[in-house]
Amino acid sequence: AEATLRRDHDNARHFAEGIQELNSPLCSVNLATVETNIVMVSI
C-alpha cells in the first residue's frame, strides 16, 4: 500500500503541477490542496 499509494500521489502531483505550468486562463489547480491521489481542477 505505501509504495503504491505514494506513487499515485506523486503522479497526481505531477499532473497538478503540469496544469499550473500551463498558466491557462481556462483551468487551474490549487497545489496546496493536492495531498493524495485526487486533483480538483477549476474550470
ModelCIF file with pLDDT and N, C-alpha, C, O atoms, coordinates in Angstrom:
data_MODEL
#
_entry.id   MODEL 
#
_entity.id                         1 
_entity.type                       polymer 
_entity.pdbx_number_of_molecules   1 
#
_entity_poly.entity_id                      1 
_entity_poly.type                           'polypeptide(L)' 
_entity_poly.nstd_linkage                   no 
_entity_poly.nstd_monomer                   no 
_entity_poly.pdbx_seq_one_letter_code       AEATLRRDHDNARHFAEGIQELNSPLCSVNLATVETNIVMVSI 
_entity_poly.pdbx_seq_one_letter_code_can   AEATLRRDHDNARHFAEGIQELNSPLCSVNLATVETNIVMVSI 
_entity_poly.pdbx_strand_id                 A 
#
loop_
_entity_poly_seq.entity_id 
_entity_poly_seq.num 
_entity_poly_seq.mon_id 
_entity_poly_seq.hetero 
1 1  ALA n 
1 2  GLU n 
1 3  ALA n 
1 4  THR n 
1 5  LEU n 
1 6  ARG n 
1 7  ARG n 
1 8  ASP n 
1 9  HIS n 
1 10 ASP n 
1 11 ASN n 
1 12 ALA n 
1 13 ARG n 
1 14 HIS n 
1 15 PHE n 
1 16 ALA n 
1 17 GLU n 
1 18 GLY n 
1 19 ILE n 
1 20 GLN n 
1 21 GLU n 
1 22 LEU n 
1 23 ASN n 
1 24 SER n 
1 25 PRO n 
1 26 LEU n 
1 27 CYS n 
1 28 SER n 
1 29 VAL n 
1 30 ASN n 
1 31 LEU n 
1 32 ALA n 
1 33 THR n 
1 34 VAL n 
1 35 GLU n 
1 36 THR n 
1 37 ASN n 
1 38 ILE n 
1 39 VAL n 
1 40 MET n 
1 41 VAL n 
1 42 SER n 
1 43 ILE n 
#
_struct_asym.id          A 
_struct_asym.entity_id   1 
#
loop_
_ma_qa_metric.id 
_ma_qa_metric.mode 
_ma_qa_metric.name 
_ma_qa_metric.software_group_id 
_ma_qa_metric.type 
1 global pLDDT . pLDDT 
2 local  pLDDT . pLDDT 
#
_ma_qa_metric_global.metric_id      1 
_ma_qa_metric_global.metric_value   94.67 
_ma_qa_metric_global.model_id       1 
_ma_qa_metric_global.ordinal_id     1 
#
loop_
_ma_qa_metric_local.label_asym_id 
_ma_qa_metric_local.label_comp_id 
_ma_qa_metric_local.label_seq_id 
_ma_qa_metric_local.metric_id 
_ma_qa_metric_local.metric_value 
_ma_qa_metric_local.model_id 
_ma_qa_metric_local.ordinal_id 
A ALA 1  2 92.00 1 1  
A GLU 2  2 94.00 1 2  
A ALA 3  2 94.00 1 3  
A THR 4  2 94.00 1 4  
A LEU 5  2 96.00 1 5  
A ARG 6  2 96.00 1 6  
A ARG 7  2 96.00 1 7  
A ASP 8  2 96.00 1 8  
A HIS 9  2 97.00 1 9  
A ASP 10 2 97.00 1 10 
A ASN 11 2 97.00 1 11 
A ALA 12 2 98.00 1 12 
A ARG 13 2 98.00 1 13 
A HIS 14 2 97.00 1 14 
A PHE 15 2 97.00 1 15 
A ALA 16 2 97.00 1 16 
A GLU 17 2 97.00 1 17 
A GLY 18 2 95.00 1 18 
A ILE 19 2 94.00 1 19 
A GLN 20 2 94.00 1 20 
A GLU 21 2 94.00 1 21 
A LEU 22 2 90.00 1 22 
A ASN 23 2 89.00 1 23 
A SER 24 2 87.00 1 24 
A PRO 25 2 86.00 1 25 
A LEU 26 2 87.00 1 26 
A CYS 27 2 90.00 1 27 
A SER 28 2 92.00 1 28 
A VAL 29 2 96.00 1 29 
A ASN 30 2 96.00 1 30 
A LEU 31 2 96.00 1 31 
A ALA 32 2 96.00 1 32 
A THR 33 2 96.00 1 33 
A VAL 34 2 97.00 1 34 
A GLU 35 2 96.00 1 35 
A THR 36 2 97.00 1 36 
A ASN 37 2 97.00 1 37 
A ILE 38 2 97.00 1 38 
A VAL 39 2 98.00 1 39 
A MET 40 2 97.00 1 40 
A VAL 41 2 96.00 1 41 
A SER 42 2 94.00 1 42 
A ILE 43 2 91.00 1 43 
#
loop_
_atom_site.group_PDB 
_atom_site.id 
_atom_site.type_symbol 
_atom_site.label_atom_id 
_atom_site.label_alt_id 
_atom_site.label_comp_id 
_atom_site.label_asym_id 
_atom_site.label_entity_id 
_atom_site.label_seq_id 
_atom_site.pdbx_PDB_ins_code 
_atom_site.Cartn_x 
_atom_site.Cartn_y 
_atom_site.Cartn_z 
_atom_site.occupancy 
_atom_site.B_iso_or_equiv 
_atom_site.pdbx_formal_charge 
_atom_site.auth_seq_id 
_atom_site.auth_comp_id 
_atom_site.auth_asym_id 
_atom_site.auth_atom_id 
_atom_site.pdbx_PDB_model_num 
ATOM 1   N N  . ALA A 1 1  ? 0.810   -1.224 0.000   1.00 92.00 ? 1  ALA A N  1 
ATOM 2   C CA . ALA A 1 1  ? 0.000   0.000  0.000   1.00 92.00 ? 1  ALA A CA 1 
ATOM 3   C C  . ALA A 1 1  ? 0.836   1.263  0.000   1.00 92.00 ? 1  ALA A C  1 
ATOM 4   O O  . ALA A 1 1  ? 0.578   2.173  -0.788  1.00 92.00 ? 1  ALA A O  1 
ATOM 5   N N  . GLU A 1 2  ? 1.823   1.336  0.861   1.00 94.00 ? 2  GLU A N  1 
ATOM 6   C CA . GLU A 1 2  ? 2.577   2.585  0.981   1.00 94.00 ? 2  GLU A CA 1 
ATOM 7   C C  . GLU A 1 2  ? 3.244   2.956  -0.342  1.00 94.00 ? 2  GLU A C  1 
ATOM 8   O O  . GLU A 1 2  ? 3.110   4.090  -0.802  1.00 94.00 ? 2  GLU A O  1 
ATOM 9   N N  . ALA A 1 3  ? 3.952   2.025  -0.952  1.00 94.00 ? 3  ALA A N  1 
ATOM 10  C CA . ALA A 1 3  ? 4.649   2.320  -2.209  1.00 94.00 ? 3  ALA A CA 1 
ATOM 11  C C  . ALA A 1 3  ? 3.663   2.621  -3.325  1.00 94.00 ? 3  ALA A C  1 
ATOM 12  O O  . ALA A 1 3  ? 3.861   3.562  -4.093  1.00 94.00 ? 3  ALA A O  1 
ATOM 13  N N  . THR A 1 4  ? 2.606   1.830  -3.420  1.00 94.00 ? 4  THR A N  1 
ATOM 14  C CA . THR A 1 4  ? 1.609   2.024  -4.472  1.00 94.00 ? 4  THR A CA 1 
ATOM 15  C C  . THR A 1 4  ? 0.910   3.367  -4.336  1.00 94.00 ? 4  THR A C  1 
ATOM 16  O O  . THR A 1 4  ? 0.794   4.114  -5.308  1.00 94.00 ? 4  THR A O  1 
ATOM 17  N N  . LEU A 1 5  ? 0.446   3.673  -3.137  1.00 96.00 ? 5  LEU A N  1 
ATOM 18  C CA . LEU A 1 5  ? -0.291  4.922  -2.941  1.00 96.00 ? 5  LEU A CA 1 
ATOM 19  C C  . LEU A 1 5  ? 0.628   6.130  -3.056  1.00 96.00 ? 5  LEU A C  1 
ATOM 20  O O  . LEU A 1 5  ? 0.208   7.169  -3.564  1.00 96.00 ? 5  LEU A O  1 
ATOM 21  N N  . ARG A 1 6  ? 1.853   6.021  -2.604  1.00 96.00 ? 6  ARG A N  1 
ATOM 22  C CA . ARG A 1 6  ? 2.802   7.134  -2.746  1.00 96.00 ? 6  ARG A CA 1 
ATOM 23  C C  . ARG A 1 6  ? 3.039   7.425  -4.233  1.00 96.00 ? 6  ARG A C  1 
ATOM 24  O O  . ARG A 1 6  ? 3.125   8.586  -4.635  1.00 96.00 ? 6  ARG A O  1 
ATOM 25  N N  . ARG A 1 7  ? 3.144   6.377  -5.039  1.00 96.00 ? 7  ARG A N  1 
ATOM 26  C CA . ARG A 1 7  ? 3.302   6.562  -6.489  1.00 96.00 ? 7  ARG A CA 1 
ATOM 27  C C  . ARG A 1 7  ? 2.078   7.264  -7.072  1.00 96.00 ? 7  ARG A C  1 
ATOM 28  O O  . ARG A 1 7  ? 2.210   8.159  -7.907  1.00 96.00 ? 7  ARG A O  1 
ATOM 29  N N  . ASP A 1 8  ? 0.887   6.858  -6.630  1.00 96.00 ? 8  ASP A N  1 
ATOM 30  C CA . ASP A 1 8  ? -0.336  7.522  -7.095  1.00 96.00 ? 8  ASP A CA 1 
ATOM 31  C C  . ASP A 1 8  ? -0.330  8.997  -6.711  1.00 96.00 ? 8  ASP A C  1 
ATOM 32  O O  . ASP A 1 8  ? -0.709  9.847  -7.517  1.00 96.00 ? 8  ASP A O  1 
ATOM 33  N N  . HIS A 1 9  ? 0.097   9.310  -5.492  1.00 97.00 ? 9  HIS A N  1 
ATOM 34  C CA . HIS A 1 9  ? 0.153   10.697 -5.023  1.00 97.00 ? 9  HIS A CA 1 
ATOM 35  C C  . HIS A 1 9  ? 1.157   11.500 -5.859  1.00 97.00 ? 9  HIS A C  1 
ATOM 36  O O  . HIS A 1 9  ? 0.889   12.643 -6.229  1.00 97.00 ? 9  HIS A O  1 
ATOM 37  N N  . ASP A 1 10 ? 2.312   10.897 -6.150  1.00 97.00 ? 10 ASP A N  1 
ATOM 38  C CA . ASP A 1 10 ? 3.326   11.579 -6.963  1.00 97.00 ? 10 ASP A CA 1 
ATOM 39  C C  . ASP A 1 10 ? 2.798   11.863 -8.367  1.00 97.00 ? 10 ASP A C  1 
ATOM 40  O O  . ASP A 1 10 ? 3.029   12.942 -8.912  1.00 97.00 ? 10 ASP A O  1 
ATOM 41  N N  . ASN A 1 11 ? 2.096   10.904 -8.948  1.00 97.00 ? 11 ASN A N  1 
ATOM 42  C CA . ASN A 1 11 ? 1.529   11.107 -10.287 1.00 97.00 ? 11 ASN A CA 1 
ATOM 43  C C  . ASN A 1 11 ? 0.479   12.210 -10.273 1.00 97.00 ? 11 ASN A C  1 
ATOM 44  O O  . ASN A 1 11 ? 0.443   13.044 -11.177 1.00 97.00 ? 11 ASN A O  1 
ATOM 45  N N  . ALA A 1 12 ? -0.362  12.220 -9.269  1.00 98.00 ? 12 ALA A N  1 
ATOM 46  C CA . ALA A 1 12 ? -1.388  13.262 -9.165  1.00 98.00 ? 12 ALA A CA 1 
ATOM 47  C C  . ALA A 1 12 ? -0.722  14.626 -9.023  1.00 98.00 ? 12 ALA A C  1 
ATOM 48  O O  . ALA A 1 12 ? -1.147  15.594 -9.653  1.00 98.00 ? 12 ALA A O  1 
ATOM 49  N N  . ARG A 1 13 ? 0.307   14.705 -8.209  1.00 98.00 ? 13 ARG A N  1 
ATOM 50  C CA . ARG A 1 13 ? 1.024   15.966 -8.010  1.00 98.00 ? 13 ARG A CA 1 
ATOM 51  C C  . ARG A 1 13 ? 1.664   16.439 -9.315  1.00 98.00 ? 13 ARG A C  1 
ATOM 52  O O  . ARG A 1 13 ? 1.623   17.627 -9.636  1.00 98.00 ? 13 ARG A O  1 
ATOM 53  N N  . HIS A 1 14 ? 2.249   15.513 -10.060 1.00 97.00 ? 14 HIS A N  1 
ATOM 54  C CA . HIS A 1 14 ? 2.874   15.850 -11.344 1.00 97.00 ? 14 HIS A CA 1 
ATOM 55  C C  . HIS A 1 14 ? 1.832   16.418 -12.317 1.00 97.00 ? 14 HIS A C  1 
ATOM 56  O O  . HIS A 1 14 ? 2.094   17.398 -13.014 1.00 97.00 ? 14 HIS A O  1 
ATOM 57  N N  . PHE A 1 15 ? 0.680   15.808 -12.356 1.00 97.00 ? 15 PHE A N  1 
ATOM 58  C CA . PHE A 1 15 ? -0.412  16.290 -13.219 1.00 97.00 ? 15 PHE A CA 1 
ATOM 59  C C  . PHE A 1 15 ? -0.831  17.700 -12.797 1.00 97.00 ? 15 PHE A C  1 
ATOM 60  O O  . PHE A 1 15 ? -0.993  18.584 -13.639 1.00 97.00 ? 15 PHE A O  1 
ATOM 61  N N  . ALA A 1 16 ? -1.003  17.903 -11.502 1.00 97.00 ? 16 ALA A N  1 
ATOM 62  C CA . ALA A 1 16 ? -1.417  19.216 -10.995 1.00 97.00 ? 16 ALA A CA 1 
ATOM 63  C C  . ALA A 1 16 ? -0.365  20.280 -11.297 1.00 97.00 ? 16 ALA A C  1 
ATOM 64  O O  . ALA A 1 16 ? -0.703  21.400 -11.680 1.00 97.00 ? 16 ALA A O  1 
ATOM 65  N N  . GLU A 1 17 ? 0.900   19.934 -11.126 1.00 97.00 ? 17 GLU A N  1 
ATOM 66  C CA . GLU A 1 17 ? 1.967   20.880 -11.430 1.00 97.00 ? 17 GLU A CA 1 
ATOM 67  C C  . GLU A 1 17 ? 1.977   21.222 -12.915 1.00 97.00 ? 17 GLU A C  1 
ATOM 68  O O  . GLU A 1 17 ? 2.260   22.359 -13.293 1.00 97.00 ? 17 GLU A O  1 
ATOM 69  N N  . GLY A 1 18 ? 1.668   20.240 -13.753 1.00 95.00 ? 18 GLY A N  1 
ATOM 70  C CA . GLY A 1 18 ? 1.578   20.486 -15.193 1.00 95.00 ? 18 GLY A CA 1 
ATOM 71  C C  . GLY A 1 18 ? 0.478   21.468 -15.534 1.00 95.00 ? 18 GLY A C  1 
ATOM 72  O O  . GLY A 1 18 ? 0.644   22.317 -16.410 1.00 95.00 ? 18 GLY A O  1 
ATOM 73  N N  . ILE A 1 19 ? -0.643  21.356 -14.845 1.00 94.00 ? 19 ILE A N  1 
ATOM 74  C CA . ILE A 1 19 ? -1.742  22.302 -15.069 1.00 94.00 ? 19 ILE A CA 1 
ATOM 75  C C  . ILE A 1 19 ? -1.312  23.700 -14.638 1.00 94.00 ? 19 ILE A C  1 
ATOM 76  O O  . ILE A 1 19 ? -1.583  24.681 -15.330 1.00 94.00 ? 19 ILE A O  1 
ATOM 77  N N  . GLN A 1 20 ? -0.646  23.786 -13.502 1.00 94.00 ? 20 GLN A N  1 
ATOM 78  C CA . GLN A 1 20 ? -0.196  25.095 -13.030 1.00 94.00 ? 20 GLN A CA 1 
ATOM 79  C C  . GLN A 1 20 ? 0.812   25.702 -14.011 1.00 94.00 ? 20 GLN A C  1 
ATOM 80  O O  . GLN A 1 20 ? 0.771   26.905 -14.268 1.00 94.00 ? 20 GLN A O  1 
ATOM 81  N N  . GLU A 1 21 ? 1.708   24.891 -14.555 1.00 94.00 ? 21 GLU A N  1 
ATOM 82  C CA . GLU A 1 21 ? 2.700   25.371 -15.517 1.00 94.00 ? 21 GLU A CA 1 
ATOM 83  C C  . GLU A 1 21 ? 2.059   25.857 -16.805 1.00 94.00 ? 21 GLU A C  1 
ATOM 84  O O  . GLU A 1 21 ? 2.606   26.725 -17.484 1.00 94.00 ? 21 GLU A O  1 
ATOM 85  N N  . LEU A 1 22 ? 0.897   25.300 -17.146 1.00 90.00 ? 22 LEU A N  1 
ATOM 86  C CA . LEU A 1 22 ? 0.183   25.766 -18.344 1.00 90.00 ? 22 LEU A CA 1 
ATOM 87  C C  . LEU A 1 22 ? -0.155  27.251 -18.243 1.00 90.00 ? 22 LEU A C  1 
ATOM 88  O O  . LEU A 1 22 ? -0.166  27.971 -19.241 1.00 90.00 ? 22 LEU A O  1 
ATOM 89  N N  . ASN A 1 23 ? -0.427  27.688 -17.025 1.00 89.00 ? 23 ASN A N  1 
ATOM 90  C CA . ASN A 1 23 ? -0.824  29.073 -16.782 1.00 89.00 ? 23 ASN A CA 1 
ATOM 91  C C  . ASN A 1 23 ? -1.961  29.470 -17.728 1.00 89.00 ? 23 ASN A C  1 
ATOM 92  O O  . ASN A 1 23 ? -1.957  30.557 -18.305 1.00 89.00 ? 23 ASN A O  1 
ATOM 93  N N  . SER A 1 24 ? -2.915  28.580 -17.873 1.00 87.00 ? 24 SER A N  1 
ATOM 94  C CA . SER A 1 24 ? -4.032  28.775 -18.792 1.00 87.00 ? 24 SER A CA 1 
ATOM 95  C C  . SER A 1 24 ? -5.141  29.595 -18.140 1.00 87.00 ? 24 SER A C  1 
ATOM 96  O O  . SER A 1 24 ? -5.423  29.435 -16.952 1.00 87.00 ? 24 SER A O  1 
ATOM 97  N N  . PRO A 1 25 ? -5.761  30.459 -18.911 1.00 86.00 ? 25 PRO A N  1 
ATOM 98  C CA . PRO A 1 25 ? -6.916  31.178 -18.364 1.00 86.00 ? 25 PRO A CA 1 
ATOM 99  C C  . PRO A 1 25 ? -8.152  30.281 -18.252 1.00 86.00 ? 25 PRO A C  1 
ATOM 100 O O  . PRO A 1 25 ? -9.180  30.700 -17.719 1.00 86.00 ? 25 PRO A O  1 
ATOM 101 N N  . LEU A 1 26 ? -8.052  29.055 -18.752 1.00 87.00 ? 26 LEU A N  1 
ATOM 102 C CA . LEU A 1 26 ? -9.197  28.154 -18.787 1.00 87.00 ? 26 LEU A CA 1 
ATOM 103 C C  . LEU A 1 26 ? -9.284  27.207 -17.597 1.00 87.00 ? 26 LEU A C  1 
ATOM 104 O O  . LEU A 1 26 ? -10.380 26.804 -17.206 1.00 87.00 ? 26 LEU A O  1 
ATOM 105 N N  . CYS A 1 27 ? -8.132  26.847 -17.015 1.00 90.00 ? 27 CYS A N  1 
ATOM 106 C CA . CYS A 1 27 ? -8.170  25.895 -15.903 1.00 90.00 ? 27 CYS A CA 1 
ATOM 107 C C  . CYS A 1 27 ? -7.009  26.157 -14.958 1.00 90.00 ? 27 CYS A C  1 
ATOM 108 O O  . CYS A 1 27 ? -5.969  26.687 -15.349 1.00 90.00 ? 27 CYS A O  1 
ATOM 109 N N  . SER A 1 28 ? -7.214  25.775 -13.710 1.00 92.00 ? 28 SER A N  1 
ATOM 110 C CA . SER A 1 28 ? -6.172  25.961 -12.698 1.00 92.00 ? 28 SER A CA 1 
ATOM 111 C C  . SER A 1 28 ? -6.323  24.922 -11.599 1.00 92.00 ? 28 SER A C  1 
ATOM 112 O O  . SER A 1 28 ? -7.346  24.247 -11.488 1.00 92.00 ? 28 SER A O  1 
ATOM 113 N N  . VAL A 1 29 ? -5.281  24.814 -10.797 1.00 96.00 ? 29 VAL A N  1 
ATOM 114 C CA . VAL A 1 29 ? -5.251  23.886 -9.665  1.00 96.00 ? 29 VAL A CA 1 
ATOM 115 C C  . VAL A 1 29 ? -4.639  24.621 -8.476  1.00 96.00 ? 29 VAL A C  1 
ATOM 116 O O  . VAL A 1 29 ? -3.671  25.368 -8.621  1.00 96.00 ? 29 VAL A O  1 
ATOM 117 N N  . ASN A 1 30 ? -5.211  24.399 -7.317  1.00 96.00 ? 30 ASN A N  1 
ATOM 118 C CA . ASN A 1 30 ? -4.620  24.900 -6.080  1.00 96.00 ? 30 ASN A CA 1 
ATOM 119 C C  . ASN A 1 30 ? -3.698  23.791 -5.570  1.00 96.00 ? 30 ASN A C  1 
ATOM 120 O O  . ASN A 1 30 ? -4.161  22.815 -4.979  1.00 96.00 ? 30 ASN A O  1 
ATOM 121 N N  . LEU A 1 31 ? -2.403  23.944 -5.801  1.00 96.00 ? 31 LEU A N  1 
ATOM 122 C CA . LEU A 1 31 ? -1.452  22.889 -5.429  1.00 96.00 ? 31 LEU A CA 1 
ATOM 123 C C  . LEU A 1 31 ? -1.473  22.562 -3.939  1.00 96.00 ? 31 LEU A C  1 
ATOM 124 O O  . LEU A 1 31 ? -1.159  21.437 -3.552  1.00 96.00 ? 31 LEU A O  1 
ATOM 125 N N  . ALA A 1 32 ? -1.835  23.515 -3.109  1.00 96.00 ? 32 ALA A N  1 
ATOM 126 C CA . ALA A 1 32 ? -1.887  23.276 -1.662  1.00 96.00 ? 32 ALA A CA 1 
ATOM 127 C C  . ALA A 1 32 ? -2.929  22.223 -1.303  1.00 96.00 ? 32 ALA A C  1 
ATOM 128 O O  . ALA A 1 32 ? -2.837  21.608 -0.240  1.00 96.00 ? 32 ALA A O  1 
ATOM 129 N N  . THR A 1 33 ? -3.914  22.005 -2.163  1.00 96.00 ? 33 THR A N  1 
ATOM 130 C CA . THR A 1 33 ? -4.970  21.027 -1.871  1.00 96.00 ? 33 THR A CA 1 
ATOM 131 C C  . THR A 1 33 ? -4.670  19.643 -2.435  1.00 96.00 ? 33 THR A C  1 
ATOM 132 O O  . THR A 1 33 ? -5.432  18.705 -2.199  1.00 96.00 ? 33 THR A O  1 
ATOM 133 N N  . VAL A 1 34 ? -3.580  19.500 -3.170  1.00 97.00 ? 34 VAL A N  1 
ATOM 134 C CA . VAL A 1 34 ? -3.233  18.199 -3.764  1.00 97.00 ? 34 VAL A CA 1 
ATOM 135 C C  . VAL A 1 34 ? -2.360  17.454 -2.764  1.00 97.00 ? 34 VAL A C  1 
ATOM 136 O O  . VAL A 1 34 ? -1.138  17.601 -2.752  1.00 97.00 ? 34 VAL A O  1 
ATOM 137 N N  . GLU A 1 35 ? -3.009  16.656 -1.930  1.00 96.00 ? 35 GLU A N  1 
ATOM 138 C CA . GLU A 1 35 ? -2.298  15.934 -0.873  1.00 96.00 ? 35 GLU A CA 1 
ATOM 139 C C  . GLU A 1 35 ? -2.250  14.431 -1.117  1.00 96.00 ? 35 GLU A C  1 
ATOM 140 O O  . GLU A 1 35 ? -1.366  13.746 -0.602  1.00 96.00 ? 35 GLU A O  1 
ATOM 141 N N  . THR A 1 36 ? -3.179  13.923 -1.886  1.00 97.00 ? 36 THR A N  1 
ATOM 142 C CA . THR A 1 36 ? -3.249  12.476 -2.109  1.00 97.00 ? 36 THR A CA 1 
ATOM 143 C C  . THR A 1 36 ? -3.327  12.206 -3.609  1.00 97.00 ? 36 THR A C  1 
ATOM 144 O O  . THR A 1 36 ? -2.616  12.832 -4.395  1.00 97.00 ? 36 THR A O  1 
ATOM 145 N N  . ASN A 1 37 ? -4.180  11.284 -3.997  1.00 97.00 ? 37 ASN A N  1 
ATOM 146 C CA . ASN A 1 37 ? -4.322  10.863 -5.387  1.00 97.00 ? 37 ASN A CA 1 
ATOM 147 C C  . ASN A 1 37 ? -5.460  11.590 -6.106  1.00 97.00 ? 37 ASN A C  1 
ATOM 148 O O  . ASN A 1 37 ? -5.861  11.181 -7.196  1.00 97.00 ? 37 ASN A O  1 
ATOM 149 N N  . ILE A 1 38 ? -5.977  12.652 -5.515  1.00 97.00 ? 38 ILE A N  1 
ATOM 150 C CA . ILE A 1 38 ? -7.107  13.379 -6.095  1.00 97.00 ? 38 ILE A CA 1 
ATOM 151 C C  . ILE A 1 38 ? -6.681  14.793 -6.461  1.00 97.00 ? 38 ILE A C  1 
ATOM 152 O O  . ILE A 1 38 ? -6.058  15.496 -5.664  1.00 97.00 ? 38 ILE A O  1 
ATOM 153 N N  . VAL A 1 39 ? -7.028  15.199 -7.681  1.00 98.00 ? 39 VAL A N  1 
ATOM 154 C CA . VAL A 1 39 ? -6.759  16.564 -8.149  1.00 98.00 ? 39 VAL A CA 1 
ATOM 155 C C  . VAL A 1 39 ? -8.083  17.173 -8.583  1.00 98.00 ? 39 VAL A C  1 
ATOM 156 O O  . VAL A 1 39 ? -8.787  16.630 -9.434  1.00 98.00 ? 39 VAL A O  1 
ATOM 157 N N  . MET A 1 40 ? -8.407  18.311 -7.981  1.00 97.00 ? 40 MET A N  1 
ATOM 158 C CA . MET A 1 40 ? -9.606  19.060 -8.361  1.00 97.00 ? 40 MET A CA 1 
ATOM 159 C C  . MET A 1 40 ? -9.154  20.204 -9.265  1.00 97.00 ? 40 MET A C  1 
ATOM 160 O O  . MET A 1 40 ? -8.367  21.059 -8.858  1.00 97.00 ? 40 MET A O  1 
ATOM 161 N N  . VAL A 1 41 ? -9.662  20.208 -10.493 1.00 96.00 ? 41 VAL A N  1 
ATOM 162 C CA . VAL A 1 41 ? -9.271  21.206 -11.487 1.00 96.00 ? 41 VAL A CA 1 
ATOM 163 C C  . VAL A 1 41 ? -10.391 22.227 -11.607 1.00 96.00 ? 41 VAL A C  1 
ATOM 164 O O  . VAL A 1 41 ? -11.531 21.874 -11.910 1.00 96.00 ? 41 VAL A O  1 
ATOM 165 N N  . SER A 1 42 ? -10.070 23.486 -11.369 1.00 94.00 ? 42 SER A N  1 
ATOM 166 C CA . SER A 1 42 ? -11.055 24.569 -11.501 1.00 94.00 ? 42 SER A CA 1 
ATOM 167 C C  . SER A 1 42 ? -11.140 24.983 -12.964 1.00 94.00 ? 42 SER A C  1 
ATOM 168 O O  . SER A 1 42 ? -10.127 25.186 -13.633 1.00 94.00 ? 42 SER A O  1 
ATOM 169 N N  . ILE A 1 43 ? -12.369 25.102 -13.439 1.00 91.00 ? 43 ILE A N  1 
ATOM 170 C CA . ILE A 1 43 ? -12.621 25.452 -14.828 1.00 91.00 ? 43 ILE A CA 1 
ATOM 171 C C  . ILE A 1 43 ? -13.166 26.874 -14.886 1.00 91.00 ? 43 ILE A C  1 
ATOM 172 O O  . ILE A 1 43 ? -13.451 27.382 -15.970 1.00 91.00 ? 43 ILE A O  1 
#
